[in-house]
Amino acid sequence: MDAEAERQEQVLSAEGQKESQILMAEGEAKAIIMVSEAKATALEVIGKQATTEGGKAAVSFELARNAIEAHKAIAKEGTVILSDGKTGDNISTTVAQAISVSNAINSK
């Protein structure tokens, strides 16, 4: 009897673990779907706003800000940076665009 009870306990434990894994996978899948839907909604809103003058300025500002952050991250990570030879011009242009967009937004 003890062997049968032990076997039954192992079966129940395995079934419990299996059910737990299924529930976790379902939860993760639902989370992925929710995040995807939220991103899709955000992109739709951004797309609509990007067609307005203020939206275009905001998109330009965000792109310039991201470019500056990318340059900072590259500079922080290493001492060698491969570029097209115009890095100074690119950074200057990016900063000038960011300032111009910021000024345009602030003047409205």
N, C-alpha and C. Protein backbone atom coordinates (compact mmCIF):
# COMPACT_ATOMS: atom_id res chain seq x y z
N MET A 1 0.79 -1.19 0.00
CA MET A 1 0.00 0.00 0.00
C MET A 1 0.85 1.27 0.00
N ASP A 2 1.92 1.26 0.74
CA ASP A 2 2.76 2.45 0.81
C ASP A 2 3.33 2.83 -0.54
N ALA A 3 3.70 1.83 -1.33
CA ALA A 3 4.26 2.09 -2.66
C ALA A 3 3.20 2.72 -3.55
N GLU A 4 1.98 2.22 -3.47
CA GLU A 4 0.88 2.77 -4.29
C GLU A 4 0.57 4.20 -3.87
N ALA A 5 0.55 4.49 -2.57
CA ALA A 5 0.29 5.84 -2.08
C ALA A 5 1.39 6.80 -2.51
N GLU A 6 2.62 6.33 -2.44
CA GLU A 6 3.75 7.16 -2.86
C GLU A 6 3.66 7.46 -4.36
N ARG A 7 3.32 6.45 -5.13
CA ARG A 7 3.18 6.63 -6.58
C ARG A 7 2.06 7.64 -6.88
N GLN A 8 0.95 7.51 -6.19
CA GLN A 8 -0.17 8.43 -6.38
C GLN A 8 0.23 9.86 -6.01
N GLU A 9 1.00 9.98 -4.95
CA GLU A 9 1.48 11.30 -4.52
C GLU A 9 2.37 11.93 -5.60
N GLN A 10 3.23 11.12 -6.20
CA GLN A 10 4.11 11.61 -7.26
C GLN A 10 3.30 12.04 -8.49
N VAL A 11 2.29 11.26 -8.82
CA VAL A 11 1.43 11.59 -9.96
C VAL A 11 0.72 12.91 -9.70
N LEU A 12 0.16 13.05 -8.52
CA LEU A 12 -0.55 14.29 -8.18
C LEU A 12 0.40 15.49 -8.18
N SER A 13 1.60 15.29 -7.67
CA SER A 13 2.60 16.36 -7.65
C SER A 13 2.97 16.78 -9.08
N ALA A 14 3.18 15.79 -9.94
CA ALA A 14 3.52 16.07 -11.33
C ALA A 14 2.38 16.80 -12.03
N GLU A 15 1.15 16.37 -11.77
CA GLU A 15 -0.01 17.03 -12.37
C GLU A 15 -0.13 18.48 -11.87
N GLY A 16 0.15 18.68 -10.60
CA GLY A 16 0.12 20.03 -10.03
C GLY A 16 1.17 20.93 -10.67
N GLN A 17 2.37 20.40 -10.86
CA GLN A 17 3.43 21.17 -11.50
C GLN A 17 3.07 21.50 -12.95
N LYS A 18 2.49 20.51 -13.62
CA LYS A 18 2.09 20.71 -15.02
C LYS A 18 1.04 21.82 -15.10
N GLU A 19 0.04 21.76 -14.24
CA GLU A 19 -1.02 22.77 -14.22
C GLU A 19 -0.45 24.15 -13.90
N SER A 20 0.48 24.20 -12.99
CA SER A 20 1.13 25.46 -12.63
C SER A 20 1.87 26.05 -13.83
N GLN A 21 2.58 25.21 -14.56
CA GLN A 21 3.31 25.67 -15.74
C GLN A 21 2.34 26.16 -16.82
N ILE A 22 1.23 25.47 -16.99
CA ILE A 22 0.23 25.89 -17.97
C ILE A 22 -0.33 27.25 -17.60
N LEU A 23 -0.68 27.43 -16.33
CA LEU A 23 -1.23 28.70 -15.89
C LEU A 23 -0.22 29.84 -16.05
N MET A 24 1.04 29.56 -15.76
CA MET A 24 2.08 30.58 -15.93
C MET A 24 2.23 30.95 -17.40
N ALA A 25 2.23 29.95 -18.28
CA ALA A 25 2.36 30.20 -19.72
C ALA A 25 1.18 31.01 -20.23
N GLU A 26 -0.02 30.66 -19.78
CA GLU A 26 -1.21 31.41 -20.19
C GLU A 26 -1.14 32.86 -19.71
N GLY A 27 -0.68 33.05 -18.48
CA GLY A 27 -0.52 34.40 -17.94
C GLY A 27 0.49 35.21 -18.73
N GLU A 28 1.60 34.60 -19.06
CA GLU A 28 2.62 35.28 -19.86
C GLU A 28 2.09 35.63 -21.24
N ALA A 29 1.34 34.71 -21.84
CA ALA A 29 0.77 34.96 -23.17
C ALA A 29 -0.21 36.14 -23.12
N LYS A 30 -1.05 36.17 -22.09
CA LYS A 30 -1.99 37.28 -21.94
C LYS A 30 -1.25 38.60 -21.74
N ALA A 31 -0.17 38.57 -20.97
CA ALA A 31 0.62 39.79 -20.75
C ALA A 31 1.22 40.27 -22.06
N ILE A 32 1.74 39.37 -22.86
CA ILE A 32 2.32 39.74 -24.15
C ILE A 32 1.25 40.37 -25.05
N ILE A 33 0.07 39.78 -25.07
CA ILE A 33 -1.02 40.32 -25.88
C ILE A 33 -1.40 41.72 -25.40
N MET A 34 -1.49 41.90 -24.09
CA MET A 34 -1.86 43.21 -23.54
C MET A 34 -0.82 44.27 -23.89
N VAL A 35 0.45 43.91 -23.79
CA VAL A 35 1.52 44.85 -24.13
C VAL A 35 1.47 45.18 -25.61
N SER A 36 1.25 44.18 -26.45
CA SER A 36 1.17 44.40 -27.89
C SER A 36 0.00 45.32 -28.25
N GLU A 37 -1.14 45.10 -27.62
CA GLU A 37 -2.30 45.95 -27.87
C GLU A 37 -2.05 47.38 -27.41
N ALA A 38 -1.39 47.53 -26.28
CA ALA A 38 -1.08 48.88 -25.78
C ALA A 38 -0.12 49.59 -26.73
N LYS A 39 0.89 48.87 -27.21
CA LYS A 39 1.83 49.46 -28.16
C LYS A 39 1.13 49.85 -29.45
N ALA A 40 0.23 48.99 -29.93
CA ALA A 40 -0.51 49.29 -31.16
C ALA A 40 -1.36 50.55 -30.99
N THR A 41 -2.01 50.67 -29.85
CA THR A 41 -2.82 51.85 -29.57
C THR A 41 -1.95 53.09 -29.50
N ALA A 42 -0.81 52.99 -28.83
CA ALA A 42 0.10 54.12 -28.72
C ALA A 42 0.61 54.54 -30.10
N LEU A 43 0.97 53.57 -30.93
CA LEU A 43 1.46 53.89 -32.28
C LEU A 43 0.37 54.54 -33.12
N GLU A 44 -0.86 54.11 -32.93
CA GLU A 44 -1.98 54.72 -33.66
C GLU A 44 -2.14 56.18 -33.25
N VAL A 45 -2.09 56.45 -31.96
CA VAL A 45 -2.21 57.82 -31.47
C VAL A 45 -1.05 58.67 -31.98
N ILE A 46 0.16 58.13 -31.88
CA ILE A 46 1.34 58.86 -32.35
C ILE A 46 1.23 59.14 -33.85
N GLY A 47 0.78 58.14 -34.60
CA GLY A 47 0.62 58.32 -36.04
C GLY A 47 -0.34 59.45 -36.37
N LYS A 48 -1.45 59.51 -35.67
CA LYS A 48 -2.42 60.59 -35.90
C LYS A 48 -1.83 61.95 -35.53
N GLN A 49 -1.15 62.00 -34.40
CA GLN A 49 -0.58 63.27 -33.93
C GLN A 49 0.59 63.72 -34.79
N ALA A 50 1.31 62.77 -35.38
CA ALA A 50 2.49 63.11 -36.18
C ALA A 50 2.13 63.86 -37.45
N THR A 51 0.86 63.85 -37.82
CA THR A 51 0.45 64.57 -39.03
C THR A 51 0.17 66.04 -38.75
N THR A 52 0.11 66.42 -37.48
CA THR A 52 -0.10 67.82 -37.12
C THR A 52 1.24 68.53 -37.04
N GLU A 53 1.23 69.86 -37.08
CA GLU A 53 2.49 70.63 -36.99
C GLU A 53 3.18 70.37 -35.66
N GLY A 54 2.43 70.44 -34.58
CA GLY A 54 3.01 70.18 -33.27
C GLY A 54 3.52 68.75 -33.14
N GLY A 55 2.79 67.82 -33.74
CA GLY A 55 3.20 66.42 -33.72
C GLY A 55 4.49 66.20 -34.48
N LYS A 56 4.62 66.86 -35.63
CA LYS A 56 5.85 66.75 -36.42
C LYS A 56 7.03 67.30 -35.63
N ALA A 57 6.82 68.42 -34.96
CA ALA A 57 7.90 69.00 -34.15
C ALA A 57 8.26 68.07 -33.00
N ALA A 58 7.26 67.48 -32.38
CA ALA A 58 7.51 66.57 -31.26
C ALA A 58 8.27 65.33 -31.72
N VAL A 59 7.89 64.80 -32.88
CA VAL A 59 8.59 63.63 -33.42
C VAL A 59 10.05 63.99 -33.71
N SER A 60 10.27 65.13 -34.33
CA SER A 60 11.64 65.56 -34.63
C SER A 60 12.45 65.73 -33.35
N PHE A 61 11.84 66.33 -32.36
CA PHE A 61 12.51 66.52 -31.08
C PHE A 61 12.87 65.19 -30.44
N GLU A 62 11.94 64.25 -30.47
CA GLU A 62 12.17 62.94 -29.87
C GLU A 62 13.28 62.19 -30.61
N LEU A 63 13.27 62.27 -31.93
CA LEU A 63 14.33 61.61 -32.71
C LEU A 63 15.69 62.22 -32.41
N ALA A 64 15.75 63.54 -32.31
CA ALA A 64 17.01 64.20 -31.98
C ALA A 64 17.47 63.81 -30.57
N ARG A 65 16.54 63.77 -29.63
CA ARG A 65 16.87 63.38 -28.26
C ARG A 65 17.40 61.95 -28.22
N ASN A 66 16.76 61.06 -28.95
CA ASN A 66 17.21 59.67 -29.00
C ASN A 66 18.59 59.55 -29.64
N ALA A 67 18.85 60.35 -30.67
CA ALA A 67 20.16 60.32 -31.32
C ALA A 67 21.25 60.78 -30.35
N ILE A 68 20.95 61.81 -29.59
CA ILE A 68 21.92 62.31 -28.60
C ILE A 68 22.18 61.24 -27.55
N GLU A 69 21.12 60.59 -27.06
CA GLU A 69 21.27 59.53 -26.07
C GLU A 69 22.07 58.36 -26.63
N ALA A 70 21.87 58.04 -27.90
CA ALA A 70 22.63 56.95 -28.52
C ALA A 70 24.11 57.30 -28.60
N HIS A 71 24.41 58.54 -28.96
CA HIS A 71 25.82 58.98 -29.01
C HIS A 71 26.44 58.92 -27.61
N LYS A 72 25.67 59.34 -26.60
CA LYS A 72 26.18 59.29 -25.23
C LYS A 72 26.45 57.85 -24.81
N ALA A 73 25.54 56.93 -25.15
CA ALA A 73 25.70 55.53 -24.77
C ALA A 73 26.92 54.92 -25.45
N ILE A 74 27.12 55.25 -26.72
CA ILE A 74 28.28 54.74 -27.45
C ILE A 74 29.56 55.26 -26.82
N ALA A 75 29.59 56.54 -26.52
CA ALA A 75 30.78 57.14 -25.92
C ALA A 75 31.07 56.57 -24.54
N LYS A 76 30.01 56.24 -23.81
CA LYS A 76 30.17 55.71 -22.46
C LYS A 76 30.70 54.28 -22.47
N GLU A 77 30.31 53.49 -23.47
CA GLU A 77 30.66 52.07 -23.52
C GLU A 77 32.09 51.80 -23.95
N GLY A 78 32.65 52.63 -24.76
CA GLY A 78 33.98 52.32 -25.26
C GLY A 78 34.78 53.55 -25.59
N THR A 79 36.00 53.30 -25.96
CA THR A 79 36.88 54.40 -26.31
C THR A 79 37.05 54.53 -27.82
N VAL A 80 36.58 53.54 -28.57
CA VAL A 80 36.68 53.58 -30.02
C VAL A 80 35.29 53.69 -30.61
N ILE A 81 35.10 54.68 -31.45
CA ILE A 81 33.82 54.87 -32.12
C ILE A 81 34.06 54.88 -33.62
N LEU A 82 33.38 54.00 -34.33
CA LEU A 82 33.46 53.99 -35.78
C LEU A 82 32.36 54.89 -36.32
N SER A 83 32.72 55.76 -37.22
CA SER A 83 31.72 56.66 -37.77
C SER A 83 32.05 56.95 -39.23
N ASP A 84 31.21 57.77 -39.82
CA ASP A 84 31.41 58.13 -41.21
C ASP A 84 32.40 59.29 -41.36
N GLY A 85 33.02 59.68 -40.28
CA GLY A 85 33.98 60.77 -40.32
C GLY A 85 33.34 62.13 -40.09
N LYS A 86 32.05 62.14 -39.96
CA LYS A 86 31.32 63.39 -39.76
C LYS A 86 30.60 63.41 -38.42
N THR A 87 31.13 62.67 -37.45
CA THR A 87 30.45 62.55 -36.17
C THR A 87 30.22 63.91 -35.53
N GLY A 88 31.24 64.76 -35.58
CA GLY A 88 31.09 66.10 -35.01
C GLY A 88 29.97 66.86 -35.69
N ASP A 89 29.90 66.75 -37.01
CA ASP A 89 28.83 67.41 -37.75
C ASP A 89 27.48 66.81 -37.40
N ASN A 90 27.44 65.47 -37.30
CA ASN A 90 26.18 64.80 -36.98
C ASN A 90 25.66 65.21 -35.61
N ILE A 91 26.55 65.24 -34.64
CA ILE A 91 26.15 65.63 -33.28
C ILE A 91 25.71 67.09 -33.27
N SER A 92 26.50 67.93 -33.93
CA SER A 92 26.15 69.36 -33.97
C SER A 92 24.80 69.55 -34.63
N THR A 93 24.58 68.87 -35.74
CA THR A 93 23.31 68.98 -36.44
C THR A 93 22.17 68.47 -35.58
N THR A 94 22.39 67.36 -34.91
CA THR A 94 21.36 66.78 -34.05
C THR A 94 21.01 67.73 -32.91
N VAL A 95 22.03 68.27 -32.28
CA VAL A 95 21.79 69.21 -31.17
C VAL A 95 21.08 70.46 -31.69
N ALA A 96 21.52 70.96 -32.83
CA ALA A 96 20.88 72.16 -33.40
C ALA A 96 19.42 71.88 -33.72
N GLN A 97 19.13 70.70 -34.26
CA GLN A 97 17.74 70.34 -34.54
C GLN A 97 16.93 70.25 -33.25
N ALA A 98 17.51 69.63 -32.24
CA ALA A 98 16.81 69.50 -30.95
C ALA A 98 16.51 70.87 -30.37
N ILE A 99 17.47 71.77 -30.42
CA ILE A 99 17.27 73.12 -29.88
C ILE A 99 16.22 73.86 -30.70
N SER A 100 16.30 73.73 -32.00
CA SER A 100 15.33 74.39 -32.88
C SER A 100 13.92 73.90 -32.63
N VAL A 101 13.76 72.59 -32.51
CA VAL A 101 12.44 72.03 -32.25
C VAL A 101 11.95 72.46 -30.87
N SER A 102 12.84 72.42 -29.90
CA SER A 102 12.47 72.83 -28.54
C SER A 102 12.02 74.29 -28.54
N ASN A 103 12.76 75.15 -29.22
CA ASN A 103 12.38 76.56 -29.30
C ASN A 103 11.04 76.74 -29.99
N ALA A 104 10.81 75.97 -31.07
CA ALA A 104 9.54 76.06 -31.77
C ALA A 104 8.38 75.63 -30.90
N ILE A 105 8.59 74.57 -30.13
CA ILE A 105 7.53 74.09 -29.24
C ILE A 105 7.28 75.10 -28.13
N ASN A 106 8.34 75.65 -27.55
CA ASN A 106 8.19 76.60 -26.45
C ASN A 106 7.59 77.92 -26.90
N SER A 107 7.78 78.29 -28.15
CA SER A 107 7.24 79.58 -28.62
C SER A 107 5.75 79.53 -28.89
N LYS A 108 5.16 78.33 -28.92
CA LYS A 108 3.72 78.20 -29.21
C LYS A 108 2.88 78.30 -28.00
